[in-house]
Structure formats: structure tokens, C-alpha cells
Amino acid sequence: DLPDSIQVGGRISPHTVWDYVEKIKASGTKEICVVRFTPVTEEDQISYALLFAYFSSRKRYGVAANNMKQVKDLYLIPLGSSDKVPHHLVPFDGPG
């Protein structure tokens, strides 16, 4: 389970993330999970929009700072409503 809140610890270049993702996929021993966050309250919507604008304007992804035993790395990838899912993450397997 993910925590109730995710703390952002920094930002990272997309190139670095995609290099890492490709290595993970090639290993065959790790899983990659894709999670879509949706703000619920009006306050959440404002924070969500600000975070999206922050990373999008800098062309960076977020790095979560939470210490989760089951999750080694967690990246926040800002995708606009009309943006396609990055090709590194498709096709999806599973119920989603």
C-alpha cells in the first residue's frame, strides 16, 4: 500500500528515469507499477495543479522521499490530460 501522502524529495531528468526503467525492465526480476493520482478535494486540486506546473515547467520528474520497504523508487511523472503515456511504460499488463 502507498502512504496517505507522498513527500517529494527532489527532481530528476526524464532521461535518467527512462534509462533506469529500461534497466529494470531488462532485468526481469523487478516490477514496474503505474499509478494515476486523482485529486479529491478542492484543496487537493490546487496542490495537484501547482505540483504539475512545477515539474512540467522545469521538464523534470519528481522523486518521492518516502521510505517504503516494498517500493525502491517512486517517480512522479507529470502528464497532461491529452499527453500519451510514455512508450517506456506500455503496454500495461494487468487490470488497469
PDB file of N, CA and C in Angstrom:
ATOM      1  N   ASP A   1       0.828  -1.192   0.000  1.00  0.00           N
ATOM      2  CA  ASP A   1       0.000   0.000   0.000  1.00  0.00           C
ATOM      3  C   ASP A   1       0.869   1.250   0.000  1.00  0.00           C
ATOM      4  N   LEU A   2       0.409   2.249  -0.711  1.00  0.00           N
ATOM      5  CA  LEU A   2       1.092   3.543  -0.697  1.00  0.00           C
ATOM      6  C   LEU A   2       0.648   4.321   0.534  1.00  0.00           C
ATOM      7  N   PRO A   3       1.490   5.202   1.029  1.00  0.00           N
ATOM      8  CA  PRO A   3       1.100   6.028   2.174  1.00  0.00           C
ATOM      9  C   PRO A   3       0.013   7.024   1.782  1.00  0.00           C
ATOM     10  N   ASP A   4      -0.631   7.606   2.795  1.00  0.00           N
ATOM     11  CA  ASP A   4      -1.687   8.589   2.545  1.00  0.00           C
ATOM     12  C   ASP A   4      -1.165   9.825   1.840  1.00  0.00           C
ATOM     13  N   SER A   5       0.082  10.173   2.092  1.00  0.00           N
ATOM     14  CA  SER A   5       0.678  11.318   1.408  1.00  0.00           C
ATOM     15  C   SER A   5       2.068  10.924   0.914  1.00  0.00           C
ATOM     16  N   ILE A   6       2.459  11.559  -0.171  1.00  0.00           N
ATOM     17  CA  ILE A   6       3.768  11.306  -0.778  1.00  0.00           C
ATOM     18  C   ILE A   6       4.577  12.589  -0.652  1.00  0.00           C
ATOM     19  N   GLN A   7       5.750  12.484  -0.055  1.00  0.00           N
ATOM     20  CA  GLN A   7       6.627  13.639   0.085  1.00  0.00           C
ATOM     21  C   GLN A   7       7.592  13.677  -1.099  1.00  0.00           C
ATOM     22  N   VAL A   8       7.703  14.827  -1.720  1.00  0.00           N
ATOM     23  CA  VAL A   8       8.627  14.987  -2.838  1.00  0.00           C
ATOM     24  C   VAL A   8       9.994  15.350  -2.274  1.00  0.00           C
ATOM     25  N   GLY A   9      10.997  14.560  -2.639  1.00  0.00           N
ATOM     26  CA  GLY A   9      12.341  14.788  -2.132  1.00  0.00           C
ATOM     27  C   GLY A   9      13.248  15.512  -3.108  1.00  0.00           C
ATOM     28  N   GLY A  10      12.823  15.603  -4.359  1.00  0.00           N
ATOM     29  CA  GLY A  10      13.656  16.268  -5.352  1.00  0.00           C
ATOM     30  C   GLY A  10      13.102  16.076  -6.743  1.00  0.00           C
ATOM     31  N   ARG A  11      13.925  16.410  -7.712  1.00  0.00           N
ATOM     32  CA  ARG A  11      13.514  16.244  -9.106  1.00  0.00           C
ATOM     33  C   ARG A  11      14.653  15.592  -9.873  1.00  0.00           C
ATOM     34  N   ILE A  12      14.295  15.015 -11.014  1.00  0.00           N
ATOM     35  CA  ILE A  12      15.248  14.227 -11.789  1.00  0.00           C
ATOM     36  C   ILE A  12      14.934  14.401 -13.271  1.00  0.00           C
ATOM     37  N   SER A  13      15.946  14.267 -14.105  1.00  0.00           N
ATOM     38  CA  SER A  13      15.721  14.422 -15.543  1.00  0.00           C
ATOM     39  C   SER A  13      14.991  13.195 -16.089  1.00  0.00           C
ATOM     40  N   PRO A  14      14.091  13.395 -17.038  1.00  0.00           N
ATOM     41  CA  PRO A  14      13.389  12.263 -17.648  1.00  0.00           C
ATOM     42  C   PRO A  14      14.349  11.232 -18.238  1.00  0.00           C
ATOM     43  N   HIS A  15      15.427  11.689 -18.853  1.00  0.00           N
ATOM     44  CA  HIS A  15      16.389  10.768 -19.468  1.00  0.00           C
ATOM     45  C   HIS A  15      16.936   9.775 -18.436  1.00  0.00           C
ATOM     46  N   THR A  16      17.261  10.267 -17.258  1.00  0.00           N
ATOM     47  CA  THR A  16      17.782   9.412 -16.195  1.00  0.00           C
ATOM     48  C   THR A  16      16.743   8.380 -15.772  1.00  0.00           C
ATOM     49  N   VAL A  17      15.493   8.821 -15.649  1.00  0.00           N
ATOM     50  CA  VAL A  17      14.412   7.905 -15.265  1.00  0.00           C
ATOM     51  C   VAL A  17      14.234   6.814 -16.310  1.00  0.00           C
ATOM     52  N   TRP A  18      14.185   7.209 -17.590  1.00  0.00           N
ATOM     53  CA  TRP A  18      13.923   6.213 -18.636  1.00  0.00           C
ATOM     54  C   TRP A  18      15.081   5.242 -18.798  1.00  0.00           C
ATOM     55  N   ASP A  19      16.310   5.681 -18.606  1.00  0.00           N
ATOM     56  CA  ASP A  19      17.449   4.756 -18.614  1.00  0.00           C
ATOM     57  C   ASP A  19      17.291   3.710 -17.510  1.00  0.00           C
ATOM     58  N   TYR A  20      16.905   4.185 -16.340  1.00  0.00           N
ATOM     59  CA  TYR A  20      16.711   3.295 -15.191  1.00  0.00           C
ATOM     60  C   TYR A  20      15.558   2.321 -15.441  1.00  0.00           C
ATOM     61  N   VAL A  21      14.456   2.822 -15.962  1.00  0.00           N
ATOM     62  CA  VAL A  21      13.293   1.974 -16.242  1.00  0.00           C
ATOM     63  C   VAL A  21      13.658   0.873 -17.236  1.00  0.00           C
ATOM     64  N   GLU A  22      14.404   1.221 -18.262  1.00  0.00           N
ATOM     65  CA  GLU A  22      14.806   0.210 -19.247  1.00  0.00           C
ATOM     66  C   GLU A  22      15.674  -0.873 -18.607  1.00  0.00           C
ATOM     67  N   LYS A  23      16.547  -0.498 -17.684  1.00  0.00           N
ATOM     68  CA  LYS A  23      17.375  -1.488 -16.983  1.00  0.00           C
ATOM     69  C   LYS A  23      16.517  -2.401 -16.109  1.00  0.00           C
ATOM     70  N   ILE A  24      15.533  -1.809 -15.446  1.00  0.00           N
ATOM     71  CA  ILE A  24      14.624  -2.587 -14.597  1.00  0.00           C
ATOM     72  C   ILE A  24      13.836  -3.579 -15.448  1.00  0.00           C
ATOM     73  N   LYS A  25      13.306  -3.112 -16.572  1.00  0.00           N
ATOM     74  CA  LYS A  25      12.534  -3.989 -17.454  1.00  0.00           C
ATOM     75  C   LYS A  25      13.397  -5.132 -17.983  1.00  0.00           C
ATOM     76  N   ALA A  26      14.633  -4.836 -18.323  1.00  0.00           N
ATOM     77  CA  ALA A  26      15.532  -5.849 -18.875  1.00  0.00           C
ATOM     78  C   ALA A  26      15.921  -6.901 -17.837  1.00  0.00           C
ATOM     79  N   SER A  27      15.920  -6.522 -16.570  1.00  0.00           N
ATOM     80  CA  SER A  27      16.334  -7.460 -15.521  1.00  0.00           C
ATOM     81  C   SER A  27      15.351  -8.615 -15.380  1.00  0.00           C
ATOM     82  N   GLY A  28      14.080  -8.341 -15.588  1.00  0.00           N
ATOM     83  CA  GLY A  28      13.066  -9.375 -15.462  1.00  0.00           C
ATOM     84  C   GLY A  28      12.778  -9.817 -14.045  1.00  0.00           C
ATOM     85  N   THR A  29      13.430  -9.206 -13.062  1.00  0.00           N
ATOM     86  CA  THR A  29      13.232  -9.609 -11.670  1.00  0.00           C
ATOM     87  C   THR A  29      12.493  -8.564 -10.843  1.00  0.00           C
ATOM     88  N   LYS A  30      12.193  -7.443 -11.431  1.00  0.00           N
ATOM     89  CA  LYS A  30      11.524  -6.353 -10.716  1.00  0.00           C
ATOM     90  C   LYS A  30      10.206  -6.026 -11.411  1.00  0.00           C
ATOM     91  N   GLU A  31       9.313  -5.400 -10.676  1.00  0.00           N
ATOM     92  CA  GLU A  31       8.044  -4.963 -11.240  1.00  0.00           C
ATOM     93  C   GLU A  31       8.026  -3.450 -11.354  1.00  0.00           C
ATOM     94  N   ILE A  32       7.345  -2.979 -12.369  1.00  0.00           N
ATOM     95  CA  ILE A  32       7.104  -1.547 -12.533  1.00  0.00           C
ATOM     96  C   ILE A  32       5.601  -1.348 -12.409  1.00  0.00           C
ATOM     97  N   CYS A  33       5.209  -0.479 -11.511  1.00  0.00           N
ATOM     98  CA  CYS A  33       3.791  -0.190 -11.298  1.00  0.00           C
ATOM     99  C   CYS A  33       3.512   1.243 -11.725  1.00  0.00           C
ATOM    100  N   VAL A  34       2.391   1.430 -12.382  1.00  0.00           N
ATOM    101  CA  VAL A  34       1.963   2.758 -12.799  1.00  0.00           C
ATOM    102  C   VAL A  34       0.721   3.112 -11.993  1.00  0.00           C
ATOM    103  N   VAL A  35       0.762   4.274 -11.350  1.00  0.00           N
ATOM    104  CA  VAL A  35      -0.342   4.731 -10.517  1.00  0.00           C
ATOM    105  C   VAL A  35      -0.781   6.098 -11.012  1.00  0.00           C
ATOM    106  N   ARG A  36      -2.065   6.264 -11.167  1.00  0.00           N
ATOM    107  CA  ARG A  36      -2.602   7.578 -11.542  1.00  0.00           C
ATOM    108  C   ARG A  36      -3.190   8.218 -10.294  1.00  0.00           C
ATOM    109  N   PHE A  37      -2.699   9.393  -9.970  1.00  0.00           N
ATOM    110  CA  PHE A  37      -3.215  10.133  -8.826  1.00  0.00           C
ATOM    111  C   PHE A  37      -4.323  11.063  -9.293  1.00  0.00           C
ATOM    112  N   THR A  38      -5.399  11.117  -8.531  1.00  0.00           N
ATOM    113  CA  THR A  38      -6.520  11.994  -8.846  1.00  0.00           C
ATOM    114  C   THR A  38      -6.861  12.787  -7.594  1.00  0.00           C
ATOM    115  N   PRO A  39      -6.834  14.112  -7.680  1.00  0.00           N
ATOM    116  CA  PRO A  39      -7.188  14.915  -6.508  1.00  0.00           C
ATOM    117  C   PRO A  39      -8.679  14.771  -6.196  1.00  0.00           C
ATOM    118  N   VAL A  40      -8.997  14.762  -4.911  1.00  0.00           N
ATOM    119  CA  VAL A  40     -10.385  14.567  -4.494  1.00  0.00           C
ATOM    120  C   VAL A  40     -11.023  15.881  -4.063  1.00  0.00           C
ATOM    121  N   THR A  41     -10.346  16.598  -3.183  1.00  0.00           N
ATOM    122  CA  THR A  41     -10.915  17.836  -2.659  1.00  0.00           C
ATOM    123  C   THR A  41     -10.432  19.033  -3.478  1.00  0.00           C
ATOM    124  N   GLU A  42     -11.061  20.159  -3.247  1.00  0.00           N
ATOM    125  CA  GLU A  42     -10.638  21.385  -3.934  1.00  0.00           C
ATOM    126  C   GLU A  42      -9.211  21.754  -3.529  1.00  0.00           C
ATOM    127  N   GLU A  43      -8.893  21.556  -2.265  1.00  0.00           N
ATOM    128  CA  GLU A  43      -7.531  21.834  -1.788  1.00  0.00           C
ATOM    129  C   GLU A  43      -6.525  20.916  -2.484  1.00  0.00           C
ATOM    130  N   ASP A  44      -6.887  19.645  -2.629  1.00  0.00           N
ATOM    131  CA  ASP A  44      -6.025  18.697  -3.345  1.00  0.00           C
ATOM    132  C   ASP A  44      -5.841  19.115  -4.795  1.00  0.00           C
ATOM    133  N   GLN A  45      -6.893  19.598  -5.423  1.00  0.00           N
ATOM    134  CA  GLN A  45      -6.822  20.009  -6.828  1.00  0.00           C
ATOM    135  C   GLN A  45      -5.843  21.155  -7.021  1.00  0.00           C
ATOM    136  N   ILE A  46      -5.840  22.087  -6.090  1.00  0.00           N
ATOM    137  CA  ILE A  46      -4.916  23.226  -6.173  1.00  0.00           C
ATOM    138  C   ILE A  46      -3.474  22.735  -6.031  1.00  0.00           C
ATOM    139  N   SER A  47      -3.223  21.900  -5.024  1.00  0.00           N
ATOM    140  CA  SER A  47      -1.872  21.360  -4.814  1.00  0.00           C
ATOM    141  C   SER A  47      -1.422  20.529  -6.008  1.00  0.00           C
ATOM    142  N   TYR A  48      -2.328  19.742  -6.546  1.00  0.00           N
ATOM    143  CA  TYR A  48      -2.049  18.889  -7.706  1.00  0.00           C
ATOM    144  C   TYR A  48      -1.648  19.744  -8.904  1.00  0.00           C
ATOM    145  N   ALA A  49      -2.412  20.796  -9.165  1.00  0.00           N
ATOM    146  CA  ALA A  49      -2.126  21.685 -10.299  1.00  0.00           C
ATOM    147  C   ALA A  49      -0.787  22.398 -10.120  1.00  0.00           C
ATOM    148  N   LEU A  50      -0.501  22.835  -8.911  1.00  0.00           N
ATOM    149  CA  LEU A  50       0.775  23.509  -8.643  1.00  0.00           C
ATOM    150  C   LEU A  50       1.958  22.559  -8.831  1.00  0.00           C
ATOM    151  N   LEU A  51       1.817  21.338  -8.346  1.00  0.00           N
ATOM    152  CA  LEU A  51       2.888  20.355  -8.498  1.00  0.00           C
ATOM    153  C   LEU A  51       3.094  20.010  -9.971  1.00  0.00           C
ATOM    154  N   PHE A  52       2.005  19.827 -10.699  1.00  0.00           N
ATOM    155  CA  PHE A  52       2.080  19.546 -12.131  1.00  0.00           C
ATOM    156  C   PHE A  52       2.798  20.687 -12.854  1.00  0.00           C
ATOM    157  N   ALA A  53       2.406  21.914 -12.573  1.00  0.00           N
ATOM    158  CA  ALA A  53       3.013  23.078 -13.228  1.00  0.00           C
ATOM    159  C   ALA A  53       4.498  23.187 -12.889  1.00  0.00           C
ATOM    160  N   TYR A  54       4.841  22.909 -11.650  1.00  0.00           N
ATOM    161  CA  TYR A  54       6.232  22.990 -11.210  1.00  0.00           C
ATOM    162  C   TYR A  54       7.116  22.042 -12.021  1.00  0.00           C
ATOM    163  N   PHE A  55       6.734  20.771 -12.077  1.00  0.00           N
ATOM    164  CA  PHE A  55       7.560  19.794 -12.794  1.00  0.00           C
ATOM    165  C   PHE A  55       7.498  19.989 -14.302  1.00  0.00           C
ATOM    166  N   SER A  56       6.337  20.291 -14.827  1.00  0.00           N
ATOM    167  CA  SER A  56       6.199  20.485 -16.279  1.00  0.00           C
ATOM    168  C   SER A  56       7.043  21.652 -16.771  1.00  0.00           C
ATOM    169  N   SER A  57       7.007  22.759 -16.052  1.00  0.00           N
ATOM    170  CA  SER A  57       7.741  23.949 -16.490  1.00  0.00           C
ATOM    171  C   SER A  57       9.252  23.732 -16.450  1.00  0.00           C
ATOM    172  N   ARG A  58       9.694  22.829 -15.605  1.00  0.00           N
ATOM    173  CA  ARG A  58      11.132  22.553 -15.479  1.00  0.00           C
ATOM    174  C   ARG A  58      11.567  21.341 -16.302  1.00  0.00           C
ATOM    175  N   LYS A  59      10.597  20.692 -16.940  1.00  0.00           N
ATOM    176  CA  LYS A  59      10.864  19.470 -17.719  1.00  0.00           C
ATOM    177  C   LYS A  59      11.612  18.440 -16.867  1.00  0.00           C
ATOM    178  N   ARG A  60      11.086  18.241 -15.672  1.00  0.00           N
ATOM    179  CA  ARG A  60      11.656  17.298 -14.710  1.00  0.00           C
ATOM    180  C   ARG A  60      10.544  16.427 -14.143  1.00  0.00           C
ATOM    181  N   TYR A  61      10.959  15.303 -13.560  1.00  0.00           N
ATOM    182  CA  TYR A  61      10.049  14.418 -12.853  1.00  0.00           C
ATOM    183  C   TYR A  61      10.352  14.536 -11.368  1.00  0.00           C
ATOM    184  N   GLY A  62       9.373  14.192 -10.556  1.00  0.00           N
ATOM    185  CA  GLY A  62       9.564  14.228  -9.117  1.00  0.00           C
ATOM    186  C   GLY A  62      10.115  12.913  -8.593  1.00  0.00           C
ATOM    187  N   VAL A  63      10.845  13.002  -7.505  1.00  0.00           N
ATOM    188  CA  VAL A  63      11.359  11.822  -6.810  1.00  0.00           C
ATOM    189  C   VAL A  63      10.734  11.814  -5.423  1.00  0.00           C
ATOM    190  N   ALA A  64      10.038  10.737  -5.089  1.00  0.00           N
ATOM    191  CA  ALA A  64       9.405  10.640  -3.776  1.00  0.00           C
ATOM    192  C   ALA A  64      10.456  10.360  -2.715  1.00  0.00           C
ATOM    193  N   ALA A  65      10.257  10.966  -1.550  1.00  0.00           N
ATOM    194  CA  ALA A  65      11.211  10.821  -0.451  1.00  0.00           C
ATOM    195  C   ALA A  65      10.740   9.818   0.594  1.00  0.00           C
ATOM    196  N   ASN A  66       9.548   9.285   0.446  1.00  0.00           N
ATOM    197  CA  ASN A  66       9.016   8.348   1.431  1.00  0.00           C
ATOM    198  C   ASN A  66       9.874   7.089   1.502  1.00  0.00           C
ATOM    199  N   ASN A  67      10.050   6.607   2.708  1.00  0.00           N
ATOM    200  CA  ASN A  67      10.756   5.336   2.883  1.00  0.00           C
ATOM    201  C   ASN A  67       9.714   4.228   2.939  1.00  0.00           C
ATOM    202  N   MET A  68       9.579   3.529   1.839  1.00  0.00           N
ATOM    203  CA  MET A  68       8.625   2.428   1.770  1.00  0.00           C
ATOM    204  C   MET A  68       9.408   1.152   1.505  1.00  0.00           C
ATOM    205  N   LYS A  69       9.255   0.183   2.378  1.00  0.00           N
ATOM    206  CA  LYS A  69      10.020  -1.054   2.271  1.00  0.00           C
ATOM    207  C   LYS A  69       9.771  -1.766   0.942  1.00  0.00           C
ATOM    208  N   GLN A  70       8.521  -1.771   0.480  1.00  0.00           N
ATOM    209  CA  GLN A  70       8.168  -2.519  -0.722  1.00  0.00           C
ATOM    210  C   GLN A  70       8.466  -1.767  -2.015  1.00  0.00           C
ATOM    211  N   VAL A  71       8.726  -0.475  -1.930  1.00  0.00           N
ATOM    212  CA  VAL A  71       8.940   0.347  -3.124  1.00  0.00           C
ATOM    213  C   VAL A  71      10.347   0.926  -3.076  1.00  0.00           C
ATOM    214  N   LYS A  72      11.170   0.531  -4.040  1.00  0.00           N
ATOM    215  CA  LYS A  72      12.546   1.034  -4.050  1.00  0.00           C
ATOM    216  C   LYS A  72      12.596   2.477  -4.525  1.00  0.00           C
ATOM    217  N   ASP A  73      11.945   2.760  -5.649  1.00  0.00           N
ATOM    218  CA  ASP A  73      11.959   4.106  -6.222  1.00  0.00           C
ATOM    219  C   ASP A  73      10.555   4.471  -6.667  1.00  0.00           C
ATOM    220  N   LEU A  74      10.209   5.733  -6.468  1.00  0.00           N
ATOM    221  CA  LEU A  74       8.901   6.228  -6.888  1.00  0.00           C
ATOM    222  C   LEU A  74       9.105   7.573  -7.566  1.00  0.00           C
ATOM    223  N   TYR A  75       8.716   7.636  -8.833  1.00  0.00           N
ATOM    224  CA  TYR A  75       8.857   8.863  -9.609  1.00  0.00           C
ATOM    225  C   TYR A  75       7.486   9.428  -9.929  1.00  0.00           C
ATOM    226  N   LEU A  76       7.365  10.730  -9.874  1.00  0.00           N
ATOM    227  CA  LEU A  76       6.132  11.426 -10.241  1.00  0.00           C
ATOM    228  C   LEU A  76       6.339  12.021 -11.622  1.00  0.00           C
ATOM    229  N   ILE A  77       5.579  11.535 -12.586  1.00  0.00           N
ATOM    230  CA  ILE A  77       5.743  11.945 -13.977  1.00  0.00           C
ATOM    231  C   ILE A  77       4.541  12.791 -14.369  1.00  0.00           C
ATOM    232  N   PRO A  78       4.746  14.077 -14.620  1.00  0.00           N
ATOM    233  CA  PRO A  78       3.612  14.943 -14.956  1.00  0.00           C
ATOM    234  C   PRO A  78       3.147  14.715 -16.394  1.00  0.00           C
ATOM    235  N   LEU A  79       1.926  14.232 -16.536  1.00  0.00           N
ATOM    236  CA  LEU A  79       1.332  14.049 -17.858  1.00  0.00           C
ATOM    237  C   LEU A  79       0.086  14.906 -17.952  1.00  0.00           C
ATOM    238  N   GLY A  80       0.007  15.700 -19.001  1.00  0.00           N
ATOM    239  CA  GLY A  80      -1.191  16.489 -19.240  1.00  0.00           C
ATOM    240  C   GLY A  80      -2.341  15.589 -19.655  1.00  0.00           C
ATOM    241  N   SER A  81      -3.553  16.112 -19.600  1.00  0.00           N
ATOM    242  CA  SER A  81      -4.732  15.297 -19.900  1.00  0.00           C
ATOM    243  C   SER A  81      -4.723  14.733 -21.310  1.00  0.00           C
ATOM    244  N   SER A  82      -4.043  15.387 -22.237  1.00  0.00           N
ATOM    245  CA  SER A  82      -4.001  14.890 -23.618  1.00  0.00           C
ATOM    246  C   SER A  82      -2.661  14.228 -23.965  1.00  0.00           C
ATOM    247  N   ASP A  83      -1.751  14.153 -22.996  1.00  0.00           N
ATOM    248  CA  ASP A  83      -0.451  13.515 -23.235  1.00  0.00           C
ATOM    249  C   ASP A  83      -0.600  11.997 -23.288  1.00  0.00           C
ATOM    250  N   LYS A  84       0.193  11.386 -24.140  1.00  0.00           N
ATOM    251  CA  LYS A  84       0.212   9.929 -24.204  1.00  0.00           C
ATOM    252  C   LYS A  84       1.123   9.388 -23.109  1.00  0.00           C
ATOM    253  N   VAL A  85       0.821   8.187 -22.678  1.00  0.00           N
ATOM    254  CA  VAL A  85       1.683   7.517 -21.708  1.00  0.00           C
ATOM    255  C   VAL A  85       3.024   7.254 -22.394  1.00  0.00           C
ATOM    256  N   PRO A  86       4.140   7.574 -21.739  1.00  0.00           N
ATOM    257  CA  PRO A  86       5.453   7.349 -22.347  1.00  0.00           C
ATOM    258  C   PRO A  86       5.620   5.900 -22.817  1.00  0.00           C
ATOM    259  N   HIS A  87       6.218   5.741 -23.971  1.00  0.00           N
ATOM    260  CA  HIS A  87       6.337   4.412 -24.576  1.00  0.00           C
ATOM    261  C   HIS A  87       7.124   3.431 -23.710  1.00  0.00           C
ATOM    262  N   HIS A  88       7.927   3.933 -22.801  1.00  0.00           N
ATOM    263  CA  HIS A  88       8.703   3.071 -21.908  1.00  0.00           C
ATOM    264  C   HIS A  88       7.801   2.287 -20.954  1.00  0.00           C
ATOM    265  N   LEU A  89       6.568   2.774 -20.760  1.00  0.00           N
ATOM    266  CA  LEU A  89       5.667   2.165 -19.781  1.00  0.00           C
ATOM    267  C   LEU A  89       4.572   1.307 -20.402  1.00  0.00           C
ATOM    268  N   VAL A  90       4.460   1.281 -21.703  1.00  0.00           N
ATOM    269  CA  VAL A  90       3.403   0.500 -22.342  1.00  0.00           C
ATOM    270  C   VAL A  90       4.017  -0.695 -23.059  1.00  0.00           C
ATOM    271  N   PRO A  91       3.308  -1.751 -23.269  1.00  0.00           N
ATOM    272  CA  PRO A  91       1.901  -1.928 -22.894  1.00  0.00           C
ATOM    273  C   PRO A  91       1.775  -2.235 -21.404  1.00  0.00           C
ATOM    274  N   PHE A  92       0.608  -1.910 -20.864  1.00  0.00           N
ATOM    275  CA  PHE A  92       0.303  -2.238 -19.475  1.00  0.00           C
ATOM    276  C   PHE A  92      -0.122  -3.698 -19.401  1.00  0.00           C
ATOM    277  N   ASP A  93       0.302  -4.372 -18.367  1.00  0.00           N
ATOM    278  CA  ASP A  93      -0.210  -5.705 -18.063  1.00  0.00           C
ATOM    279  C   ASP A  93      -1.055  -5.571 -16.811  1.00  0.00           C
ATOM    280  N   GLY A  94      -2.128  -6.288 -16.735  1.00  0.00           N
ATOM    281  CA  GLY A  94      -2.941  -6.270 -15.531  1.00  0.00           C
ATOM    282  C   GLY A  94      -4.297  -5.660 -15.764  1.00  0.00           C
ATOM    283  N   PRO A  95      -4.999  -5.366 -14.666  1.00  0.00           N
ATOM    284  CA  PRO A  95      -6.392  -4.943 -14.772  1.00  0.00           C
ATOM    285  C   PRO A  95      -6.585  -3.519 -15.260  1.00  0.00           C
ATOM    286  N   GLY A  96      -5.553  -2.663 -15.177  1.00  0.00           N
ATOM    287  CA  GLY A  96      -5.703  -1.249 -15.487  1.00  0.00           C
ATOM    288  C   GLY A  96      -5.852  -0.974 -16.914  1.00  0.00           C
TER     289      GLY A  96
END
